[in-house]
C-alpha atoms as a PDB file:
ATOM      1  CA  MET A   1      -4.015  -1.316 -27.133  1.00  0.00           C
ATOM      2  CA  PRO A   2      -2.299  -0.626 -30.463  1.00  0.00           C
ATOM      3  CA  LYS A   3      -4.395   1.129 -33.095  1.00  0.00           C
ATOM      4  CA  TYR A   4      -3.754   0.495 -36.790  1.00  0.00           C
ATOM      5  CA  ASN A   5      -4.935   1.761 -40.189  1.00  0.00           C
ATOM      6  CA  LEU A   6      -5.201   5.327 -38.953  1.00  0.00           C
ATOM      7  CA  THR A   7      -5.274   8.202 -41.434  1.00  0.00           C
ATOM      8  CA  PRO A   8      -4.688  11.408 -39.453  1.00  0.00           C
ATOM      9  CA  ASN A   9      -5.375  14.388 -41.682  1.00  0.00           C
ATOM     10  CA  LEU A  10      -2.502  16.450 -40.314  1.00  0.00           C
ATOM     11  CA  PRO A  11       0.894  17.734 -41.451  1.00  0.00           C
ATOM     12  CA  LEU A  12       3.544  15.037 -41.205  1.00  0.00           C
ATOM     13  CA  GLU A  13       5.458  16.842 -38.452  1.00  0.00           C
ATOM     14  CA  ILE A  14       2.311  16.978 -36.287  1.00  0.00           C
ATOM     15  CA  ILE A  15       1.528  13.314 -36.973  1.00  0.00           C
ATOM     16  CA  TYR A  16       4.902  12.338 -35.523  1.00  0.00           C
ATOM     17  CA  GLN A  17       4.474  14.734 -32.590  1.00  0.00           C
ATOM     18  CA  PHE A  18       1.256  12.902 -31.680  1.00  0.00           C
ATOM     19  CA  GLY A  19       3.095   9.593 -31.433  1.00  0.00           C
ATOM     20  CA  PHE A  20       1.957   8.090 -34.728  1.00  0.00           C
ATOM     21  CA  LEU A  21       4.265   5.854 -36.756  1.00  0.00           C
ATOM     22  CA  PRO A  22       3.886   4.995 -40.461  1.00  0.00           C
ATOM     23  CA  GLN A  23       2.762   1.497 -41.362  1.00  0.00           C
ATOM     24  CA  ARG A  24       5.260  -0.317 -43.498  1.00  0.00           C
ATOM     25  CA  ASN A  25       2.978  -1.440 -46.317  1.00  0.00           C
ATOM     26  CA  ASP A  26       1.260   1.853 -47.118  1.00  0.00           C
ATOM     27  CA  LYS A  27       2.633   5.393 -46.747  1.00  0.00           C
ATOM     28  CA  ASP A  28      -0.878   6.766 -46.198  1.00  0.00           C
ATOM     29  CA  TYR A  29      -1.597   4.691 -43.087  1.00  0.00           C
ATOM     30  CA  PHE A  30      -0.253   5.130 -39.561  1.00  0.00           C
ATOM     31  CA  TYR A  31      -0.501   3.324 -36.248  1.00  0.00           C
ATOM     32  CA  GLN A  32      -0.254   4.047 -32.541  1.00  0.00           C
ATOM     33  CA  ASP A  33       1.555   1.487 -30.427  1.00  0.00           C
ATOM     34  CA  SER A  34       4.641   2.842 -28.688  1.00  0.00           C
ATOM     35  CA  SER A  35       6.840   5.648 -29.955  1.00  0.00           C
ATOM     36  CA  SER A  36      10.181   7.092 -28.930  1.00  0.00           C
ATOM     37  CA  ARG A  37      12.523   9.883 -29.961  1.00  0.00           C
ATOM     38  CA  SER A  38      15.615  11.873 -29.126  1.00  0.00           C
ATOM     39  CA  ASN A  39      14.914  15.484 -28.271  1.00  0.00           C
ATOM     40  CA  LEU A  40      17.846  17.141 -29.991  1.00  0.00           C
ATOM     41  CA  ALA A  41      17.671  20.481 -28.188  1.00  0.00           C
ATOM     42  CA  ASN A  42      21.059  20.867 -26.482  1.00  0.00           C
ATOM     43  CA  ALA A  43      21.682  17.168 -27.171  1.00  0.00           C
ATOM     44  CA  SER A  44      25.116  15.658 -26.624  1.00  0.00           C
ATOM     45  CA  LEU A  45      26.433  12.126 -26.844  1.00  0.00           C
ATOM     46  CA  SER A  46      26.806  10.173 -23.639  1.00  0.00           C
ATOM     47  CA  SER A  47      29.962   8.284 -22.754  1.00  0.00           C
ATOM     48  CA  GLU A  48      28.188   5.089 -23.858  1.00  0.00           C
ATOM     49  CA  ASN A  49      27.295   6.681 -27.202  1.00  0.00           C
ATOM     50  CA  ARG A  50      30.897   7.756 -27.710  1.00  0.00           C
ATOM     51  CA  ARG A  51      32.138   4.281 -26.796  1.00  0.00           C
ATOM     52  CA  ILE A  52      29.921   2.688 -29.443  1.00  0.00           C
ATOM     53  CA  TYR A  53      30.897   5.290 -32.013  1.00  0.00           C
ATOM     54  CA  LYS A  54      34.580   4.638 -31.375  1.00  0.00           C
ATOM     55  CA  LYS A  55      34.214   0.850 -31.522  1.00  0.00           C
ATOM     56  CA  THR A  56      32.407   1.007 -34.872  1.00  0.00           C
ATOM     57  CA  GLN A  57      34.849   3.253 -36.733  1.00  0.00           C
ATOM     58  CA  ASN A  58      35.884   0.327 -38.928  1.00  0.00           C
ATOM     59  CA  PHE A  59      32.460   0.481 -40.619  1.00  0.00           C
ATOM     60  CA  ALA A  60      31.975   2.918 -43.507  1.00  0.00           C
ATOM     61  CA  TYR A  61      28.691   4.340 -44.762  1.00  0.00           C
ATOM     62  CA  LYS A  62      27.229   6.248 -47.674  1.00  0.00           C
ATOM     63  CA  ILE A  63      24.017   8.293 -47.681  1.00  0.00           C
ATOM     64  CA  GLU A  64      21.860   8.509 -50.790  1.00  0.00           C
ATOM     65  CA  SER A  65      18.407   9.832 -51.573  1.00  0.00           C
ATOM     66  CA  VAL A  66      15.836   7.182 -52.427  1.00  0.00           C
ATOM     67  CA  ASN A  67      15.962   8.407 -56.025  1.00  0.00           C
ATOM     68  CA  GLN A  68      19.745   7.935 -56.163  1.00  0.00           C
ATOM     69  CA  PHE A  69      19.791   4.548 -54.473  1.00  0.00           C
ATOM     70  CA  ASN A  70      19.926   1.559 -56.800  1.00  0.00           C
ATOM     71  CA  PHE A  71      17.319  -0.803 -55.399  1.00  0.00           C
ATOM     72  CA  ASP A  72      17.596  -4.042 -57.355  1.00  0.00           C
ATOM     73  CA  ILE A  73      16.927  -7.742 -56.930  1.00  0.00           C
ATOM     74  CA  GLN A  74      20.252  -8.230 -55.148  1.00  0.00           C
ATOM     75  CA  VAL A  75      19.360  -5.694 -52.461  1.00  0.00           C
ATOM     76  CA  LEU A  76      15.949  -7.305 -52.062  1.00  0.00           C
ATOM     77  CA  LYS A  77      17.412 -10.806 -51.741  1.00  0.00           C
ATOM     78  CA  LYS A  78      20.044  -9.637 -49.280  1.00  0.00           C
ATOM     79  CA  CYS A  79      17.538  -7.912 -46.984  1.00  0.00           C
ATOM     80  CA  SER A  80      15.080 -10.788 -47.253  1.00  0.00           C
ATOM     81  CA  THR A  81      17.761 -13.353 -46.380  1.00  0.00           C
ATOM     82  CA  TRP A  82      19.019 -11.307 -43.440  1.00  0.00           C
ATOM     83  CA  SER A  83      15.463 -10.872 -42.143  1.00  0.00           C
ATOM     84  CA  LYS A  84      14.756 -14.599 -42.293  1.00  0.00           C
ATOM     85  CA  GLN A  85      18.035 -15.439 -40.535  1.00  0.00           C
ATOM     86  CA  LEU A  86      17.181 -12.941 -37.794  1.00  0.00           C
ATOM     87  CA  ASN A  87      13.663 -14.397 -37.484  1.00  0.00           C
ATOM     88  CA  TRP A  88      12.033 -11.133 -38.488  1.00  0.00           C
ATOM     89  CA  LYS A  89       8.618 -11.318 -40.146  1.00  0.00           C
ATOM     90  CA  PHE A  90       9.340  -9.042 -43.071  1.00  0.00           C
ATOM     91  CA  PRO A  91       7.908 -10.084 -46.462  1.00  0.00           C
ATOM     92  CA  SER A  92       9.811  -9.208 -49.612  1.00  0.00           C
ATOM     93  CA  SER A  93       6.900  -7.070 -50.795  1.00  0.00           C
ATOM     94  CA  SER A  94       7.184  -4.925 -47.646  1.00  0.00           C
ATOM     95  CA  ILE A  95      10.940  -4.578 -48.091  1.00  0.00           C
ATOM     96  CA  LYS A  96      10.433  -3.310 -51.637  1.00  0.00           C
ATOM     97  CA  THR A  97       7.773  -0.835 -50.487  1.00  0.00           C
ATOM     98  CA  ILE A  98       9.865   0.820 -47.789  1.00  0.00           C
ATOM     99  CA  PHE A  99      12.849   1.150 -50.127  1.00  0.00           C
ATOM    100  CA  THR A 100      10.949   2.472 -53.134  1.00  0.00           C
ATOM    101  CA  ASN A 101       7.424   3.692 -52.410  1.00  0.00           C
ATOM    102  CA  HIS A 102       7.053   5.167 -48.948  1.00  0.00           C
ATOM    103  CA  LEU A 103       7.580   8.354 -46.922  1.00  0.00           C
ATOM    104  CA  PHE A 104      11.249   7.584 -46.427  1.00  0.00           C
ATOM    105  CA  ASN A 105      13.656   9.627 -48.498  1.00  0.00           C
ATOM    106  CA  TYR A 106      17.220   8.642 -47.558  1.00  0.00           C
ATOM    107  CA  ILE A 107      19.096   5.354 -47.329  1.00  0.00           C
ATOM    108  CA  TYR A 108      22.387   4.636 -45.581  1.00  0.00           C
ATOM    109  CA  THR A 109      24.484   1.827 -47.019  1.00  0.00           C
ATOM    110  CA  TRP A 110      27.026   0.418 -44.559  1.00  0.00           C
ATOM    111  CA  ARG A 111      30.133  -1.516 -45.540  1.00  0.00           C
ATOM    112  CA  HIS A 112      32.993  -3.407 -43.963  1.00  0.00           C
ATOM    113  CA  LYS A 113      36.012  -4.030 -46.170  1.00  0.00           C
ATOM    114  CA  ASP A 114      33.963  -3.165 -49.279  1.00  0.00           C
ATOM    115  CA  LYS A 115      31.234  -5.665 -48.399  1.00  0.00           C
ATOM    116  CA  VAL A 116      27.711  -4.341 -47.788  1.00  0.00           C
ATOM    117  CA  ILE A 117      26.677  -5.284 -44.260  1.00  0.00           C
ATOM    118  CA  ALA A 118      23.650  -3.085 -43.518  1.00  0.00           C
ATOM    119  CA  TYR A 119      21.050  -0.609 -44.740  1.00  0.00           C
ATOM    120  CA  SER A 120      19.171   2.093 -42.822  1.00  0.00           C
ATOM    121  CA  ILE A 121      15.976   3.553 -44.271  1.00  0.00           C
ATOM    122  CA  CYS A 122      15.241   7.062 -42.997  1.00  0.00           C
ATOM    123  CA  LEU A 123      13.097  10.145 -43.285  1.00  0.00           C
ATOM    124  CA  PHE A 124      14.678  13.593 -43.107  1.00  0.00           C
ATOM    125  CA  GLU A 125      12.376  16.600 -42.984  1.00  0.00           C
ATOM    126  CA  LYS A 126      12.935  20.283 -42.222  1.00  0.00           C
ATOM    127  CA  ASN A 127      12.640  19.935 -38.442  1.00  0.00           C
ATOM    128  CA  PHE A 128      12.846  16.217 -37.689  1.00  0.00           C
ATOM    129  CA  SER A 129      14.132  12.855 -38.814  1.00  0.00           C
ATOM    130  CA  HIS A 130      13.029   9.260 -38.379  1.00  0.00           C
ATOM    131  CA  ILE A 131      15.165   6.142 -38.601  1.00  0.00           C
ATOM    132  CA  ALA A 132      12.435   3.816 -39.734  1.00  0.00           C
ATOM    133  CA  TYR A 133      13.985   0.452 -40.621  1.00  0.00           C
ATOM    134  CA  VAL A 134      17.347  -1.261 -40.565  1.00  0.00           C
ATOM    135  CA  PHE A 135      18.576  -4.452 -42.191  1.00  0.00           C
ATOM    136  CA  TYR A 136      21.934  -5.963 -41.333  1.00  0.00           C
ATOM    137  CA  ASP A 137      24.039  -9.070 -41.755  1.00  0.00           C
ATOM    138  CA  PRO A 138      23.188 -11.408 -38.839  1.00  0.00           C
ATOM    139  CA  LYS A 139      26.893 -11.988 -38.141  1.00  0.00           C
ATOM    140  CA  TYR A 140      26.908  -8.451 -36.673  1.00  0.00           C
ATOM    141  CA  ALA A 141      23.766  -8.919 -34.574  1.00  0.00           C
ATOM    142  CA  LYS A 142      25.678  -9.156 -31.298  1.00  0.00           C
ATOM    143  CA  THR A 143      28.092  -6.344 -32.084  1.00  0.00           C
ATOM    144  CA  ASP A 144      27.634  -2.586 -31.678  1.00  0.00           C
ATOM    145  CA  LEU A 145      26.732  -2.146 -35.359  1.00  0.00           C
ATOM    146  CA  PRO A 146      22.914  -2.257 -34.915  1.00  0.00           C
ATOM    147  CA  ILE A 147      23.106   0.538 -32.342  1.00  0.00           C
ATOM    148  CA  ARG A 148      25.490   2.568 -34.500  1.00  0.00           C
ATOM    149  CA  LEU A 149      22.939   2.501 -37.331  1.00  0.00           C
ATOM    150  CA  SER A 150      20.524   4.559 -35.231  1.00  0.00           C
ATOM    151  CA  LEU A 151      23.218   6.559 -33.493  1.00  0.00           C
ATOM    152  CA  GLN A 152      24.583   7.834 -36.807  1.00  0.00           C
ATOM    153  CA  VAL A 153      21.173   9.182 -37.822  1.00  0.00           C
ATOM    154  CA  ILE A 154      20.949  10.999 -34.484  1.00  0.00           C
ATOM    155  CA  ILE A 155      24.424  12.466 -34.986  1.00  0.00           C
ATOM    156  CA  ASP A 156      23.541  13.618 -38.502  1.00  0.00           C
ATOM    157  CA  SER A 157      20.262  15.085 -37.242  1.00  0.00           C
ATOM    158  CA  ILE A 158      22.125  17.089 -34.599  1.00  0.00           C
ATOM    159  CA  ASP A 159      24.512  18.348 -37.290  1.00  0.00           C
ATOM    160  CA  LYS A 160      21.499  19.467 -39.348  1.00  0.00           C
ATOM    161  CA  ASN A 161      20.056  21.347 -36.335  1.00  0.00           C
ATOM    162  CA  LEU A 162      16.871  19.281 -36.377  1.00  0.00           C
ATOM    163  CA  SER A 163      14.566  19.341 -33.366  1.00  0.00           C
ATOM    164  CA  PHE A 164      13.839  15.619 -33.021  1.00  0.00           C
ATOM    165  CA  CYS A 165      14.968  12.241 -34.264  1.00  0.00           C
ATOM    166  CA  TYR A 166      12.152   9.702 -34.062  1.00  0.00           C
ATOM    167  CA  LEU A 167      13.301   6.191 -33.228  1.00  0.00           C
ATOM    168  CA  GLY A 168      10.262   3.964 -33.645  1.00  0.00           C
ATOM    169  CA  ARG A 169       8.808   1.569 -31.105  1.00  0.00           C
ATOM    170  CA  PHE A 170      10.072   1.262 -27.546  1.00  0.00           C
ATOM    171  CA  ASN A 171       8.669  -1.001 -24.844  1.00  0.00           C
ATOM    172  CA  PRO A 172      10.757  -1.573 -21.702  1.00  0.00           C
ATOM    173  CA  ILE A 173       8.410  -4.358 -20.580  1.00  0.00           C
ATOM    174  CA  ASP A 174       8.972  -6.716 -23.510  1.00  0.00           C
ATOM    175  CA  GLY A 175      12.392  -5.289 -24.382  1.00  0.00           C
ATOM    176  CA  THR A 176      11.424  -3.776 -27.750  1.00  0.00           C
ATOM    177  CA  GLY A 177      14.094  -1.237 -28.680  1.00  0.00           C
ATOM    178  CA  PHE A 178      15.513  -1.238 -25.156  1.00  0.00           C
ATOM    179  CA  TYR A 179      18.964  -0.182 -26.402  1.00  0.00           C
ATOM    180  CA  LYS A 180      17.464   3.177 -27.401  1.00  0.00           C
ATOM    181  CA  ARG A 181      17.206   4.307 -23.767  1.00  0.00           C
ATOM    182  CA  ASN A 182      20.850   5.439 -23.877  1.00  0.00           C
ATOM    183  CA  PHE A 183      20.368   7.822 -26.787  1.00  0.00           C
ATOM    184  CA  PRO A 184      20.567  11.594 -26.127  1.00  0.00           C
ATOM    185  CA  ASN A 185      17.557  13.151 -24.361  1.00  0.00           C
ATOM    186  CA  PHE A 186      15.540   9.971 -24.886  1.00  0.00           C
ATOM    187  CA  GLN A 187      11.752  10.364 -24.652  1.00  0.00           C
ATOM    188  CA  VAL A 188       8.703   8.121 -24.948  1.00  0.00           C
ATOM    189  CA  TYR A 189       5.175   9.099 -25.906  1.00  0.00           C
ATOM    190  CA  ASN A 190       2.500   8.743 -23.217  1.00  0.00           C
ATOM    191  CA  PHE A 191      -0.718   8.049 -25.119  1.00  0.00           C
ATOM    192  CA  LYS A 192      -2.838   8.466 -22.000  1.00  0.00           C
ATOM    193  CA  ASN A 193      -1.584  11.981 -21.287  1.00  0.00           C
ATOM    194  CA  LYS A 194      -0.758  12.754 -24.926  1.00  0.00           C
ATOM    195  CA  THR A 195       2.660  14.068 -24.001  1.00  0.00           C
ATOM    196  CA  TRP A 196       6.296  13.162 -24.555  1.00  0.00           C
ATOM    197  CA  GLN A 197       8.105  12.217 -21.358  1.00  0.00           C
ATOM    198  CA  ASP A 198      11.760  11.770 -20.526  1.00  0.00           C
ATOM    199  CA  PHE A 199      12.530   8.108 -19.962  1.00  0.00           C
ATOM    200  CA  LYS A 200      14.081   7.242 -16.616  1.00  0.00           C
ATOM    201  CA  ASN A 201      16.251   4.120 -16.565  1.00  0.00           C
END
């Protein structure tokens, strides 16, 4: 059973190691549901990862700190519209919070032919990263772009010599985040045994 509104009094790195994920409406609250990550020790891209990377080279991106990023009403409207079209339950107030007042400290802005098509909201710490939320134009929903959004954060985390890249929820039974299984050294958290385990397709 998922557990919400948890306030573990631990360093952030340990909180993630114990399978917690931050709730979207308050940076001080966490939950336990299902958690996944890439173990970046000796990580390398699979042939499938490289295929997706190659097929998405026509998309450009820019990384900015939350303080540098210009979050305005146009960004809010764009993300809110995309969310509604994708049938995501994501209130505008929650969108504003994760962009401006949360743990997350970096934002990727993705473009195609100078048009903004996606955002990735991330956390980068000394030893780990977390791709927390993505928003993208629904016209790209059935392309490789959504996967590339996460893949790029993994690639950048490897380049930074981080230990782990946390990837959010993963549930092979209901299909939540099922595309993540092909990421390098993919692991899921076993709440019963309190250990991270390699996922076997």
